[in-house]
Amino acid sequence: MRMLKRLFKGLGLLATLVVIAATLTMFFNGSSAAQQGAPENVVSGVFTRNPLQVALLQWYPANLTSTFAVGVGPSEVAFDGANIWVTNTGIDNSNSGSTVTKIRANDGTVLGTFASGAAPAGVAFDGANIWVTDYAGNAATKLRATDGAMLGTFATGSGPGWAVFDGANIWTSNYLTSNVTKLRASDGAALGTFAVGPNPSGMAFDGANIWVGSTNGNSVTKLRASDGAVLGTFAVGTLPYAVAFDGANIWVTNFASNSVTKLRGSDGVSLGSFAVGSGPYGVAFDGAYIWVANYGGNNVTKLRARDGTILGTFAVGSGPRGVAFDGANIWVANHNSNTVSKL
């Protein structure tokens, strides 16, 4: 009798392992009926939902789940691992805002609003702190992410609009002086100022280099992050704004061309230009797809990163600008609605 109990117990464990193995096979091999019923979850036979999306049963392409009020004129967004940070730039591009809003990502609860210079614009997370560019103050403000306490304000060039973190340093694009500033994240020490194209805009880090859009140069500049050396300048569309890295390629929104440009990260070769909505502004990568905020269309476009195929357009608030991915959802700052949308 005892031997039979052991046998049944062993069979039960075996059955459990078989179920787990079958489930993992269904998720990651792209061969299950569930995937066949939702082909957008599979690209080249590879399952594209990340574990958090699977846990939350996010099989749908996208839908507007919630909209949350923030400050006046929200512009850029960043994710700190648990929360969304939004810069409130002010109304009608007046750069009259002075705060950033912290929102809990899982339910949209506002956890605080914090002073951050005269005209907060760009925002980046360094693993422990939030950095906010102050367009009117020609500086970057460092806030502790846990409680929003101000840890310092550090000089940049004139008109810093965007910020990006390279793993050790913060970079700001200085619109009015056509250069970028490199600050050591640990203490804010200035490590250099480097010339780029005219009126630099959005930036992205590819693991070794900084890519900077040039709004009035219709190009992006590639800088070596270690020393700021210019490695190349590459043509894109008209009025490039935001920049994102997909693990291999650089994506640039072209505001006046109503398109996005895809450049190969290794050498800057153009891999294509893809039409999106009206006035594309912000851009983000979610691990499989590119999301573009269309300022003039009050919507976002979802493209497959592999080939630029448009997979959907989704309504958000008025004047969407910045975009961020929190591991499961896309967040969009609606500049004219004073809200953020969660997709």
C-alpha atoms as a PDB file:
ATOM      1  CA  MET A   1       0.000   0.000   0.000  1.00  0.00           C
ATOM      2  CA  ARG A   2       2.805   2.392   0.898  1.00  0.00           C
ATOM      3  CA  MET A   3       4.506   1.596  -2.402  1.00  0.00           C
ATOM      4  CA  LEU A   4       1.290   2.386  -4.310  1.00  0.00           C
ATOM      5  CA  LYS A   5       0.981   5.748  -2.541  1.00  0.00           C
ATOM      6  CA  ARG A   6       4.546   6.565  -3.502  1.00  0.00           C
ATOM      7  CA  LEU A   7       3.805   5.545  -7.069  1.00  0.00           C
ATOM      8  CA  PHE A   8       0.706   7.769  -7.296  1.00  0.00           C
ATOM      9  CA  LYS A   9       2.561  10.635  -5.661  1.00  0.00           C
ATOM     10  CA  GLY A  10       5.336  10.252  -8.223  1.00  0.00           C
ATOM     11  CA  LEU A  11       2.850  10.160 -11.053  1.00  0.00           C
ATOM     12  CA  GLY A  12       1.196  13.311  -9.740  1.00  0.00           C
ATOM     13  CA  LEU A  13       4.511  15.139  -9.679  1.00  0.00           C
ATOM     14  CA  LEU A  14       5.293  13.885 -13.164  1.00  0.00           C
ATOM     15  CA  ALA A  15       1.912  15.092 -14.431  1.00  0.00           C
ATOM     16  CA  THR A  16       2.533  18.505 -12.895  1.00  0.00           C
ATOM     17  CA  LEU A  17       5.923  18.749 -14.595  1.00  0.00           C
ATOM     18  CA  VAL A  18       4.387  17.712 -17.904  1.00  0.00           C
ATOM     19  CA  VAL A  19       1.760  20.459 -17.590  1.00  0.00           C
ATOM     20  CA  ILE A  20       4.417  23.052 -16.764  1.00  0.00           C
ATOM     21  CA  ALA A  21       6.563  21.938 -19.685  1.00  0.00           C
ATOM     22  CA  ALA A  22       3.606  22.055 -22.037  1.00  0.00           C
ATOM     23  CA  THR A  23       2.672  25.523 -20.819  1.00  0.00           C
ATOM     24  CA  LEU A  24       6.198  26.837 -21.331  1.00  0.00           C
ATOM     25  CA  THR A  25       6.267  25.260 -24.769  1.00  0.00           C
ATOM     26  CA  MET A  26       2.988  26.978 -25.601  1.00  0.00           C
ATOM     27  CA  PHE A  27       4.330  30.346 -24.459  1.00  0.00           C
ATOM     28  CA  PHE A  28       7.759  30.339 -26.017  1.00  0.00           C
ATOM     29  CA  ASN A  29       7.792  28.051 -29.054  1.00  0.00           C
ATOM     30  CA  GLY A  30       5.013  29.739 -30.981  1.00  0.00           C
ATOM     31  CA  SER A  31       3.313  26.429 -31.783  1.00  0.00           C
ATOM     32  CA  SER A  32       0.179  26.466 -29.662  1.00  0.00           C
ATOM     33  CA  ALA A  33      -3.411  27.035 -30.624  1.00  0.00           C
ATOM     34  CA  ALA A  34      -3.478  30.011 -28.317  1.00  0.00           C
ATOM     35  CA  GLN A  35      -0.722  31.674 -30.327  1.00  0.00           C
ATOM     36  CA  GLN A  36      -2.401  30.775 -33.578  1.00  0.00           C
ATOM     37  CA  GLY A  37      -5.459  32.588 -32.299  1.00  0.00           C
ATOM     38  CA  ALA A  38      -3.329  35.652 -31.500  1.00  0.00           C
ATOM     39  CA  PRO A  39      -0.660  35.800 -34.249  1.00  0.00           C
ATOM     40  CA  GLU A  40       0.482  39.262 -33.196  1.00  0.00           C
ATOM     41  CA  ASN A  41       2.094  37.637 -30.154  1.00  0.00           C
ATOM     42  CA  VAL A  42       4.525  35.761 -32.425  1.00  0.00           C
ATOM     43  CA  VAL A  43       7.257  37.227 -34.619  1.00  0.00           C
ATOM     44  CA  SER A  44       9.330  34.759 -36.690  1.00  0.00           C
ATOM     45  CA  GLY A  45       8.145  31.907 -34.476  1.00  0.00           C
ATOM     46  CA  VAL A  46       9.231  33.653 -31.289  1.00  0.00           C
ATOM     47  CA  PHE A  47       6.745  34.532 -28.571  1.00  0.00           C
ATOM     48  CA  THR A  48       6.908  38.287 -28.023  1.00  0.00           C
ATOM     49  CA  ARG A  49       4.995  38.837 -24.785  1.00  0.00           C
ATOM     50  CA  ASN A  50       7.314  39.322 -21.830  1.00  0.00           C
ATOM     51  CA  PRO A  51       6.717  37.412 -18.556  1.00  0.00           C
ATOM     52  CA  LEU A  52       4.922  40.317 -16.886  1.00  0.00           C
ATOM     53  CA  GLN A  53       2.524  40.658 -19.806  1.00  0.00           C
ATOM     54  CA  VAL A  54       1.866  36.911 -19.703  1.00  0.00           C
ATOM     55  CA  ALA A  55       1.180  37.059 -15.962  1.00  0.00           C
ATOM     56  CA  LEU A  56      -1.314  39.864 -16.525  1.00  0.00           C
ATOM     57  CA  LEU A  57      -3.001  37.928 -19.365  1.00  0.00           C
ATOM     58  CA  GLN A  58      -2.310  40.697 -21.845  1.00  0.00           C
ATOM     59  CA  TRP A  59      -3.150  38.898 -25.061  1.00  0.00           C
ATOM     60  CA  TYR A  60      -4.892  41.883 -26.630  1.00  0.00           C
ATOM     61  CA  PRO A  61      -2.999  44.233 -29.012  1.00  0.00           C
ATOM     62  CA  ALA A  62      -3.644  47.377 -26.939  1.00  0.00           C
ATOM     63  CA  ASN A  63      -6.495  49.313 -25.470  1.00  0.00           C
ATOM     64  CA  LEU A  64      -6.854  52.497 -23.480  1.00  0.00           C
ATOM     65  CA  THR A  65      -7.240  51.198 -19.935  1.00  0.00           C
ATOM     66  CA  SER A  66      -7.005  54.428 -17.975  1.00  0.00           C
ATOM     67  CA  THR A  67      -6.272  58.140 -18.095  1.00  0.00           C
ATOM     68  CA  PHE A  68      -4.793  59.947 -15.114  1.00  0.00           C
ATOM     69  CA  ALA A  69      -4.570  63.661 -14.346  1.00  0.00           C
ATOM     70  CA  VAL A  70      -1.115  65.166 -13.865  1.00  0.00           C
ATOM     71  CA  GLY A  71       0.212  68.728 -13.957  1.00  0.00           C
ATOM     72  CA  VAL A  72      -0.120  71.381 -16.647  1.00  0.00           C
ATOM     73  CA  GLY A  73       1.362  70.563 -20.045  1.00  0.00           C
ATOM     74  CA  PRO A  74       2.854  67.102 -19.450  1.00  0.00           C
ATOM     75  CA  SER A  75       5.690  66.478 -21.858  1.00  0.00           C
ATOM     76  CA  GLU A  76       8.027  63.534 -21.184  1.00  0.00           C
ATOM     77  CA  VAL A  77       7.696  60.323 -19.181  1.00  0.00           C
ATOM     78  CA  ALA A  78      10.088  57.836 -17.568  1.00  0.00           C
ATOM     79  CA  PHE A  79       9.686  54.574 -15.637  1.00  0.00           C
ATOM     80  CA  ASP A  80      11.715  53.870 -12.487  1.00  0.00           C
ATOM     81  CA  GLY A  81      10.880  50.200 -12.080  1.00  0.00           C
ATOM     82  CA  ALA A  82       7.682  50.820 -10.143  1.00  0.00           C
ATOM     83  CA  ASN A  83       6.473  54.322 -10.935  1.00  0.00           C
ATOM     84  CA  ILE A  84       5.943  56.687 -13.849  1.00  0.00           C
ATOM     85  CA  TRP A  85       7.448  60.180 -13.713  1.00  0.00           C
ATOM     86  CA  VAL A  86       5.954  62.968 -15.831  1.00  0.00           C
ATOM     87  CA  THR A  87       7.414  66.403 -16.518  1.00  0.00           C
ATOM     88  CA  ASN A  88       4.845  69.209 -16.458  1.00  0.00           C
ATOM     89  CA  THR A  89       6.188  71.773 -18.914  1.00  0.00           C
ATOM     90  CA  GLY A  90       3.335  74.294 -18.860  1.00  0.00           C
ATOM     91  CA  ILE A  91       0.689  75.498 -21.303  1.00  0.00           C
ATOM     92  CA  ASP A  92       1.151  76.309 -24.990  1.00  0.00           C
ATOM     93  CA  ASN A  93       4.870  75.550 -25.008  1.00  0.00           C
ATOM     94  CA  SER A  94       5.378  78.462 -22.646  1.00  0.00           C
ATOM     95  CA  ASN A  95       7.832  76.512 -20.483  1.00  0.00           C
ATOM     96  CA  SER A  96       5.939  77.839 -17.509  1.00  0.00           C
ATOM     97  CA  GLY A  97       5.642  74.571 -15.606  1.00  0.00           C
ATOM     98  CA  SER A  98       7.712  73.820 -12.550  1.00  0.00           C
ATOM     99  CA  THR A  99       6.917  70.293 -11.374  1.00  0.00           C
ATOM    100  CA  VAL A 100       7.129  66.588 -12.040  1.00  0.00           C
ATOM    101  CA  THR A 101       4.418  64.118 -11.084  1.00  0.00           C
ATOM    102  CA  LYS A 102       5.093  60.625  -9.716  1.00  0.00           C
ATOM    103  CA  ILE A 103       2.434  57.992 -10.469  1.00  0.00           C
ATOM    104  CA  ARG A 104       2.287  54.401  -9.240  1.00  0.00           C
ATOM    105  CA  ALA A 105       2.355  52.338 -12.415  1.00  0.00           C
ATOM    106  CA  ASN A 106       0.112  49.489 -11.312  1.00  0.00           C
ATOM    107  CA  ASP A 107      -2.941  51.637 -10.533  1.00  0.00           C
ATOM    108  CA  GLY A 108      -2.190  55.249 -11.510  1.00  0.00           C
ATOM    109  CA  THR A 109      -2.273  56.635  -7.994  1.00  0.00           C
ATOM    110  CA  VAL A 110      -0.474  59.984  -7.776  1.00  0.00           C
ATOM    111  CA  LEU A 111       2.290  59.569  -5.200  1.00  0.00           C
ATOM    112  CA  GLY A 112       3.529  63.123  -5.283  1.00  0.00           C
ATOM    113  CA  THR A 113       4.248  66.296  -7.188  1.00  0.00           C
ATOM    114  CA  PHE A 114       7.731  67.739  -6.834  1.00  0.00           C
ATOM    115  CA  ALA A 115       9.324  71.063  -7.711  1.00  0.00           C
ATOM    116  CA  SER A 116      11.881  70.715 -10.476  1.00  0.00           C
ATOM    117  CA  GLY A 117      13.222  73.928 -11.915  1.00  0.00           C
ATOM    118  CA  ALA A 118      11.522  76.643 -13.919  1.00  0.00           C
ATOM    119  CA  ALA A 119      10.583  74.574 -16.988  1.00  0.00           C
ATOM    120  CA  PRO A 120      10.947  70.806 -16.584  1.00  0.00           C
ATOM    121  CA  ALA A 121      11.240  69.120 -19.963  1.00  0.00           C
ATOM    122  CA  GLY A 122      13.133  65.820 -20.315  1.00  0.00           C
ATOM    123  CA  VAL A 123      13.356  63.065 -17.716  1.00  0.00           C
ATOM    124  CA  ALA A 124      15.564  60.008 -17.178  1.00  0.00           C
ATOM    125  CA  PHE A 125      16.060  57.387 -14.444  1.00  0.00           C
ATOM    126  CA  ASP A 126      19.576  56.372 -13.385  1.00  0.00           C
ATOM    127  CA  GLY A 127      18.672  53.330 -11.299  1.00  0.00           C
ATOM    128  CA  ALA A 128      18.118  55.274  -8.099  1.00  0.00           C
ATOM    129  CA  ASN A 129      17.334  58.867  -9.023  1.00  0.00           C
ATOM    130  CA  ILE A 130      15.241  60.865 -11.454  1.00  0.00           C
ATOM    131  CA  TRP A 131      16.944  63.515 -13.573  1.00  0.00           C
ATOM    132  CA  VAL A 132      14.866  66.354 -15.009  1.00  0.00           C
ATOM    133  CA  THR A 133      16.109  68.910 -17.519  1.00  0.00           C
ATOM    134  CA  ASP A 134      15.117  72.514 -16.845  1.00  0.00           C
ATOM    135  CA  TYR A 135      14.776  74.187 -20.240  1.00  0.00           C
ATOM    136  CA  ALA A 136      14.512  77.721 -18.842  1.00  0.00           C
ATOM    137  CA  GLY A 137      17.050  77.239 -16.055  1.00  0.00           C
ATOM    138  CA  ASN A 138      19.789  75.681 -18.212  1.00  0.00           C
ATOM    139  CA  ALA A 139      20.245  72.932 -15.677  1.00  0.00           C
ATOM    140  CA  ALA A 140      19.382  69.370 -14.703  1.00  0.00           C
ATOM    141  CA  THR A 141      17.726  68.565 -11.388  1.00  0.00           C
ATOM    142  CA  LYS A 142      18.410  65.305  -9.549  1.00  0.00           C
ATOM    143  CA  LEU A 143      15.561  63.884  -7.426  1.00  0.00           C
ATOM    144  CA  ARG A 144      15.685  60.796  -5.231  1.00  0.00           C
ATOM    145  CA  ALA A 145      13.193  58.378  -6.768  1.00  0.00           C
ATOM    146  CA  THR A 146      11.982  56.950  -3.456  1.00  0.00           C
ATOM    147  CA  ASP A 147      10.646  60.228  -2.070  1.00  0.00           C
ATOM    148  CA  GLY A 148      11.271  62.983  -4.635  1.00  0.00           C
ATOM    149  CA  ALA A 149      13.790  64.776  -2.433  1.00  0.00           C
ATOM    150  CA  MET A 150      15.961  67.182  -4.422  1.00  0.00           C
ATOM    151  CA  LEU A 151      19.592  66.063  -4.381  1.00  0.00           C
ATOM    152  CA  GLY A 152      21.075  68.793  -6.519  1.00  0.00           C
ATOM    153  CA  THR A 153      20.882  71.058  -9.551  1.00  0.00           C
ATOM    154  CA  PHE A 154      23.649  70.966 -12.133  1.00  0.00           C
ATOM    155  CA  ALA A 155      24.473  73.344 -14.970  1.00  0.00           C
ATOM    156  CA  THR A 156      24.040  72.207 -18.584  1.00  0.00           C
ATOM    157  CA  GLY A 157      24.022  74.034 -21.885  1.00  0.00           C
ATOM    158  CA  SER A 158      21.265  76.412 -22.886  1.00  0.00           C
ATOM    159  CA  GLY A 159      17.760  75.023 -23.331  1.00  0.00           C
ATOM    160  CA  PRO A 160      18.201  71.386 -22.242  1.00  0.00           C
ATOM    161  CA  GLY A 161      15.210  69.496 -23.589  1.00  0.00           C
ATOM    162  CA  TRP A 162      15.861  65.731 -23.329  1.00  0.00           C
ATOM    163  CA  ALA A 163      17.855  63.471 -21.030  1.00  0.00           C
ATOM    164  CA  VAL A 164      19.223  59.940 -21.273  1.00  0.00           C
ATOM    165  CA  PHE A 165      21.233  57.669 -18.944  1.00  0.00           C
ATOM    166  CA  ASP A 166      24.156  55.590 -20.261  1.00  0.00           C
ATOM    167  CA  GLY A 167      24.653  53.364 -17.220  1.00  0.00           C
ATOM    168  CA  ALA A 168      26.967  55.790 -15.441  1.00  0.00           C
ATOM    169  CA  ASN A 169      26.265  59.274 -16.759  1.00  0.00           C
ATOM    170  CA  ILE A 170      23.391  61.580 -17.650  1.00  0.00           C
ATOM    171  CA  TRP A 171      23.345  63.274 -21.047  1.00  0.00           C
ATOM    172  CA  THR A 172      21.255  66.344 -21.857  1.00  0.00           C
ATOM    173  CA  SER A 173      20.537  67.742 -25.312  1.00  0.00           C
ATOM    174  CA  ASN A 174      20.881  71.515 -25.267  1.00  0.00           C
ATOM    175  CA  TYR A 175      18.553  72.913 -27.905  1.00  0.00           C
ATOM    176  CA  LEU A 176      19.737  76.519 -27.887  1.00  0.00           C
ATOM    177  CA  THR A 177      23.488  75.844 -27.906  1.00  0.00           C
ATOM    178  CA  SER A 178      23.477  72.843 -30.296  1.00  0.00           C
ATOM    179  CA  ASN A 179      25.471  70.598 -28.015  1.00  0.00           C
ATOM    180  CA  VAL A 180      25.059  67.884 -25.390  1.00  0.00           C
ATOM    181  CA  THR A 181      26.266  67.868 -21.789  1.00  0.00           C
ATOM    182  CA  LYS A 182      27.591  64.773 -20.017  1.00  0.00           C
ATOM    183  CA  LEU A 183      27.141  64.686 -16.237  1.00  0.00           C
ATOM    184  CA  ARG A 184      28.427  62.002 -13.880  1.00  0.00           C
ATOM    185  CA  ALA A 185      25.281  60.553 -12.309  1.00  0.00           C
ATOM    186  CA  SER A 186      26.834  59.871  -8.916  1.00  0.00           C
ATOM    187  CA  ASP A 187      27.627  63.501  -8.147  1.00  0.00           C
ATOM    188  CA  GLY A 188      26.545  65.632 -11.119  1.00  0.00           C
ATOM    189  CA  ALA A 189      30.092  66.582 -12.073  1.00  0.00           C
ATOM    190  CA  ALA A 190      30.330  67.905 -15.641  1.00  0.00           C
ATOM    191  CA  LEU A 191      32.393  65.522 -17.771  1.00  0.00           C
ATOM    192  CA  GLY A 192      32.177  67.405 -21.035  1.00  0.00           C
ATOM    193  CA  THR A 193      30.158  69.325 -23.590  1.00  0.00           C
ATOM    194  CA  PHE A 194      30.087  68.024 -27.147  1.00  0.00           C
ATOM    195  CA  ALA A 195      28.900  69.680 -30.346  1.00  0.00           C
ATOM    196  CA  VAL A 196      26.146  67.951 -32.341  1.00  0.00           C
ATOM    197  CA  GLY A 197      23.743  69.084 -35.056  1.00  0.00           C
ATOM    198  CA  PRO A 198      21.624  72.253 -34.884  1.00  0.00           C
ATOM    199  CA  ASN A 199      18.938  72.297 -32.187  1.00  0.00           C
ATOM    200  CA  PRO A 200      19.396  68.806 -30.712  1.00  0.00           C
ATOM    201  CA  SER A 201      16.301  66.972 -29.537  1.00  0.00           C
ATOM    202  CA  GLY A 202      15.681  63.391 -28.366  1.00  0.00           C
ATOM    203  CA  MET A 203      18.424  60.950 -27.427  1.00  0.00           C
ATOM    204  CA  ALA A 204      18.960  57.221 -26.999  1.00  0.00           C
ATOM    205  CA  PHE A 205      21.768  55.015 -25.651  1.00  0.00           C
ATOM    206  CA  ASP A 206      22.590  51.824 -27.570  1.00  0.00           C
ATOM    207  CA  GLY A 207      24.896  50.253 -24.994  1.00  0.00           C
ATOM    208  CA  ALA A 208      28.013  52.018 -26.238  1.00  0.00           C
ATOM    209  CA  ASN A 209      26.947  55.185 -28.041  1.00  0.00           C
ATOM    210  CA  ILE A 210      24.634  58.155 -27.656  1.00  0.00           C
ATOM    211  CA  TRP A 211      22.342  59.015 -30.565  1.00  0.00           C
ATOM    212  CA  VAL A 212      21.064  62.598 -30.745  1.00  0.00           C
ATOM    213  CA  GLY A 213      18.377  63.983 -33.024  1.00  0.00           C
ATOM    214  CA  SER A 214      18.993  67.326 -34.712  1.00  0.00           C
ATOM    215  CA  THR A 215      15.666  69.089 -35.184  1.00  0.00           C
ATOM    216  CA  ASN A 216      16.868  71.626 -37.712  1.00  0.00           C
ATOM    217  CA  GLY A 217      19.561  69.446 -39.219  1.00  0.00           C
ATOM    218  CA  ASN A 218      17.181  66.657 -40.267  1.00  0.00           C
ATOM    219  CA  SER A 219      19.748  64.198 -38.989  1.00  0.00           C
ATOM    220  CA  VAL A 220      20.969  62.231 -35.989  1.00  0.00           C
ATOM    221  CA  THR A 221      24.479  62.306 -34.570  1.00  0.00           C
ATOM    222  CA  LYS A 222      26.183  59.224 -33.111  1.00  0.00           C
ATOM    223  CA  LEU A 223      28.598  59.920 -30.257  1.00  0.00           C
ATOM    224  CA  ARG A 224      30.858  57.441 -28.497  1.00  0.00           C
ATOM    225  CA  ALA A 225      29.633  57.517 -24.901  1.00  0.00           C
ATOM    226  CA  SER A 226      33.055  56.999 -23.368  1.00  0.00           C
ATOM    227  CA  ASP A 227      34.571  60.210 -24.736  1.00  0.00           C
ATOM    228  CA  GLY A 228      31.927  62.045 -26.786  1.00  0.00           C
ATOM    229  CA  ALA A 229      33.723  61.534 -30.097  1.00  0.00           C
ATOM    230  CA  VAL A 230      31.430  61.980 -33.099  1.00  0.00           C
ATOM    231  CA  LEU A 231      31.195  58.671 -34.989  1.00  0.00           C
ATOM    232  CA  GLY A 232      28.827  59.833 -37.683  1.00  0.00           C
ATOM    233  CA  THR A 233      25.891  61.975 -38.732  1.00  0.00           C
ATOM    234  CA  PHE A 234      23.010  60.319 -40.557  1.00  0.00           C
ATOM    235  CA  ALA A 235      20.119  61.798 -42.516  1.00  0.00           C
ATOM    236  CA  VAL A 236      16.549  61.132 -41.389  1.00  0.00           C
ATOM    237  CA  GLY A 237      13.231  62.872 -42.072  1.00  0.00           C
ATOM    238  CA  THR A 238      12.160  66.460 -41.472  1.00  0.00           C
ATOM    239  CA  LEU A 239      12.212  67.808 -37.897  1.00  0.00           C
ATOM    240  CA  PRO A 240      13.407  64.708 -36.025  1.00  0.00           C
ATOM    241  CA  TYR A 241      12.245  64.753 -32.412  1.00  0.00           C
ATOM    242  CA  ALA A 242      12.519  61.589 -30.342  1.00  0.00           C
ATOM    243  CA  VAL A 243      14.927  58.644 -30.615  1.00  0.00           C
ATOM    244  CA  ALA A 244      14.672  55.041 -29.376  1.00  0.00           C
ATOM    245  CA  PHE A 245      16.864  51.910 -29.523  1.00  0.00           C
ATOM    246  CA  ASP A 246      15.340  48.472 -30.168  1.00  0.00           C
ATOM    247  CA  GLY A 247      18.375  46.374 -29.294  1.00  0.00           C
ATOM    248  CA  ALA A 248      19.830  46.555 -32.792  1.00  0.00           C
ATOM    249  CA  ASN A 249      18.404  49.607 -34.549  1.00  0.00           C
ATOM    250  CA  ILE A 250      17.705  53.275 -33.929  1.00  0.00           C
ATOM    251  CA  TRP A 251      14.218  54.691 -34.515  1.00  0.00           C
ATOM    252  CA  VAL A 252      13.650  58.423 -35.051  1.00  0.00           C
ATOM    253  CA  THR A 253      10.339  60.284 -35.224  1.00  0.00           C
ATOM    254  CA  ASN A 254      10.142  62.872 -38.021  1.00  0.00           C
ATOM    255  CA  PHE A 255       7.586  65.430 -36.886  1.00  0.00           C
ATOM    256  CA  ALA A 256       7.107  67.241 -40.189  1.00  0.00           C
ATOM    257  CA  SER A 257       7.393  64.137 -42.381  1.00  0.00           C
ATOM    258  CA  ASN A 258       4.747  62.150 -40.486  1.00  0.00           C
ATOM    259  CA  SER A 259       7.112  59.204 -40.455  1.00  0.00           C
ATOM    260  CA  VAL A 260       9.698  57.288 -38.471  1.00  0.00           C
ATOM    261  CA  THR A 261      13.156  56.372 -39.750  1.00  0.00           C
ATOM    262  CA  LYS A 262      14.901  53.109 -38.851  1.00  0.00           C
ATOM    263  CA  LEU A 263      18.708  53.151 -38.833  1.00  0.00           C
ATOM    264  CA  ARG A 264      20.995  50.186 -38.292  1.00  0.00           C
ATOM    265  CA  GLY A 265      22.741  50.842 -35.007  1.00  0.00           C
ATOM    266  CA  SER A 266      26.087  49.453 -36.042  1.00  0.00           C
ATOM    267  CA  ASP A 267      26.701  51.794 -38.954  1.00  0.00           C
ATOM    268  CA  GLY A 268      23.740  54.189 -39.303  1.00  0.00           C
ATOM    269  CA  VAL A 269      22.552  52.758 -42.615  1.00  0.00           C
ATOM    270  CA  SER A 270      18.900  53.602 -43.236  1.00  0.00           C
ATOM    271  CA  LEU A 271      16.688  50.527 -43.144  1.00  0.00           C
ATOM    272  CA  GLY A 272      13.531  52.342 -44.095  1.00  0.00           C
ATOM    273  CA  SER A 273      11.099  55.142 -43.439  1.00  0.00           C
ATOM    274  CA  PHE A 274       7.584  54.251 -42.294  1.00  0.00           C
ATOM    275  CA  ALA A 275       4.476  56.413 -42.345  1.00  0.00           C
ATOM    276  CA  VAL A 276       2.720  56.942 -39.025  1.00  0.00           C
ATOM    277  CA  GLY A 277       0.210  59.530 -37.823  1.00  0.00           C
ATOM    278  CA  SER A 278       0.228  63.316 -37.886  1.00  0.00           C
ATOM    279  CA  GLY A 279       3.142  65.013 -36.142  1.00  0.00           C
ATOM    280  CA  PRO A 280       4.992  62.035 -34.622  1.00  0.00           C
ATOM    281  CA  TYR A 281       6.690  63.138 -31.422  1.00  0.00           C
ATOM    282  CA  GLY A 282       7.642  60.537 -28.799  1.00  0.00           C
ATOM    283  CA  VAL A 283       8.777  56.964 -29.401  1.00  0.00           C
ATOM    284  CA  ALA A 284       9.372  53.878 -27.249  1.00  0.00           C
ATOM    285  CA  PHE A 285      10.298  50.199 -27.712  1.00  0.00           C
ATOM    286  CA  ASP A 286       8.463  47.509 -25.716  1.00  0.00           C
ATOM    287  CA  GLY A 287      10.655  44.513 -26.540  1.00  0.00           C
ATOM    288  CA  ALA A 288       8.900  43.676 -29.805  1.00  0.00           C
ATOM    289  CA  TYR A 289       7.123  46.773 -31.063  1.00  0.00           C
ATOM    290  CA  ILE A 290       7.743  50.463 -31.636  1.00  0.00           C
ATOM    291  CA  TRP A 291       5.163  52.902 -30.249  1.00  0.00           C
ATOM    292  CA  VAL A 292       4.908  56.410 -31.686  1.00  0.00           C
ATOM    293  CA  ALA A 293       2.921  59.288 -30.191  1.00  0.00           C
ATOM    294  CA  ASN A 294       1.310  61.393 -32.935  1.00  0.00           C
ATOM    295  CA  TYR A 295       0.960  64.899 -31.540  1.00  0.00           C
ATOM    296  CA  GLY A 296      -1.333  66.120 -34.312  1.00  0.00           C
ATOM    297  CA  GLY A 297      -3.452  62.980 -34.448  1.00  0.00           C
ATOM    298  CA  ASN A 298      -4.155  62.489 -30.740  1.00  0.00           C
ATOM    299  CA  ASN A 299      -3.193  58.853 -31.054  1.00  0.00           C
ATOM    300  CA  VAL A 300      -0.306  56.404 -30.980  1.00  0.00           C
ATOM    301  CA  THR A 301       0.861  54.081 -33.739  1.00  0.00           C
ATOM    302  CA  LYS A 302       2.182  50.576 -33.046  1.00  0.00           C
ATOM    303  CA  LEU A 303       4.723  49.168 -35.513  1.00  0.00           C
ATOM    304  CA  ARG A 304       6.429  45.789 -35.609  1.00  0.00           C
ATOM    305  CA  ALA A 305      10.106  46.518 -34.999  1.00  0.00           C
ATOM    306  CA  ARG A 306      11.242  43.720 -37.289  1.00  0.00           C
ATOM    307  CA  ASP A 307       9.823  45.219 -40.478  1.00  0.00           C
ATOM    308  CA  GLY A 308       7.942  48.437 -39.659  1.00  0.00           C
ATOM    309  CA  THR A 309       4.509  46.958 -40.327  1.00  0.00           C
ATOM    310  CA  ILE A 310       1.751  49.036 -38.717  1.00  0.00           C
ATOM    311  CA  LEU A 311      -0.233  46.878 -36.302  1.00  0.00           C
ATOM    312  CA  GLY A 312      -2.666  49.469 -34.993  1.00  0.00           C
ATOM    313  CA  THR A 313      -3.469  53.049 -34.113  1.00  0.00           C
ATOM    314  CA  PHE A 314      -4.920  53.826 -30.691  1.00  0.00           C
ATOM    315  CA  ALA A 315      -6.612  56.979 -29.434  1.00  0.00           C
ATOM    316  CA  VAL A 316      -5.159  58.809 -26.444  1.00  0.00           C
ATOM    317  CA  GLY A 317      -5.525  62.362 -25.127  1.00  0.00           C
ATOM    318  CA  SER A 318      -4.873  65.651 -26.881  1.00  0.00           C
ATOM    319  CA  GLY A 319      -1.354  66.470 -28.043  1.00  0.00           C
ATOM    320  CA  PRO A 320       0.505  63.284 -27.049  1.00  0.00           C
ATOM    321  CA  ARG A 321       4.238  63.743 -26.610  1.00  0.00           C
ATOM    322  CA  GLY A 322       6.440  61.494 -24.496  1.00  0.00           C
ATOM    323  CA  VAL A 323       6.082  57.706 -24.431  1.00  0.00           C
ATOM    324  CA  ALA A 324       7.428  55.132 -21.963  1.00  0.00           C
ATOM    325  CA  PHE A 325       7.098  51.376 -21.432  1.00  0.00           C
ATOM    326  CA  ASP A 326       6.746  49.975 -17.896  1.00  0.00           C
ATOM    327  CA  GLY A 327       7.313  46.308 -18.710  1.00  0.00           C
ATOM    328  CA  ALA A 328       3.633  45.674 -19.377  1.00  0.00           C
ATOM    329  CA  ASN A 329       1.974  48.901 -20.484  1.00  0.00           C
ATOM    330  CA  ILE A 330       2.650  51.945 -22.626  1.00  0.00           C
ATOM    331  CA  TRP A 331       2.296  55.381 -21.006  1.00  0.00           C
ATOM    332  CA  VAL A 332       1.710  58.537 -23.041  1.00  0.00           C
ATOM    333  CA  ALA A 333       1.885  62.167 -21.882  1.00  0.00           C
ATOM    334  CA  ASN A 334      -1.017  64.178 -23.315  1.00  0.00           C
ATOM    335  CA  HIS A 335       0.331  67.717 -23.378  1.00  0.00           C
ATOM    336  CA  ASN A 336      -2.940  69.512 -24.098  1.00  0.00           C
ATOM    337  CA  SER A 337      -5.148  67.331 -21.877  1.00  0.00           C
ATOM    338  CA  ASN A 338      -2.985  67.557 -18.742  1.00  0.00           C
ATOM    339  CA  THR A 339      -3.198  63.790 -18.461  1.00  0.00           C
ATOM    340  CA  VAL A 340      -1.299  60.598 -19.128  1.00  0.00           C
ATOM    341  CA  SER A 341      -2.830  57.607 -20.892  1.00  0.00           C
ATOM    342  CA  LYS A 342      -2.068  53.992 -20.013  1.00  0.00           C
ATOM    343  CA  LEU A 343      -2.390  51.427 -22.830  1.00  0.00           C
END
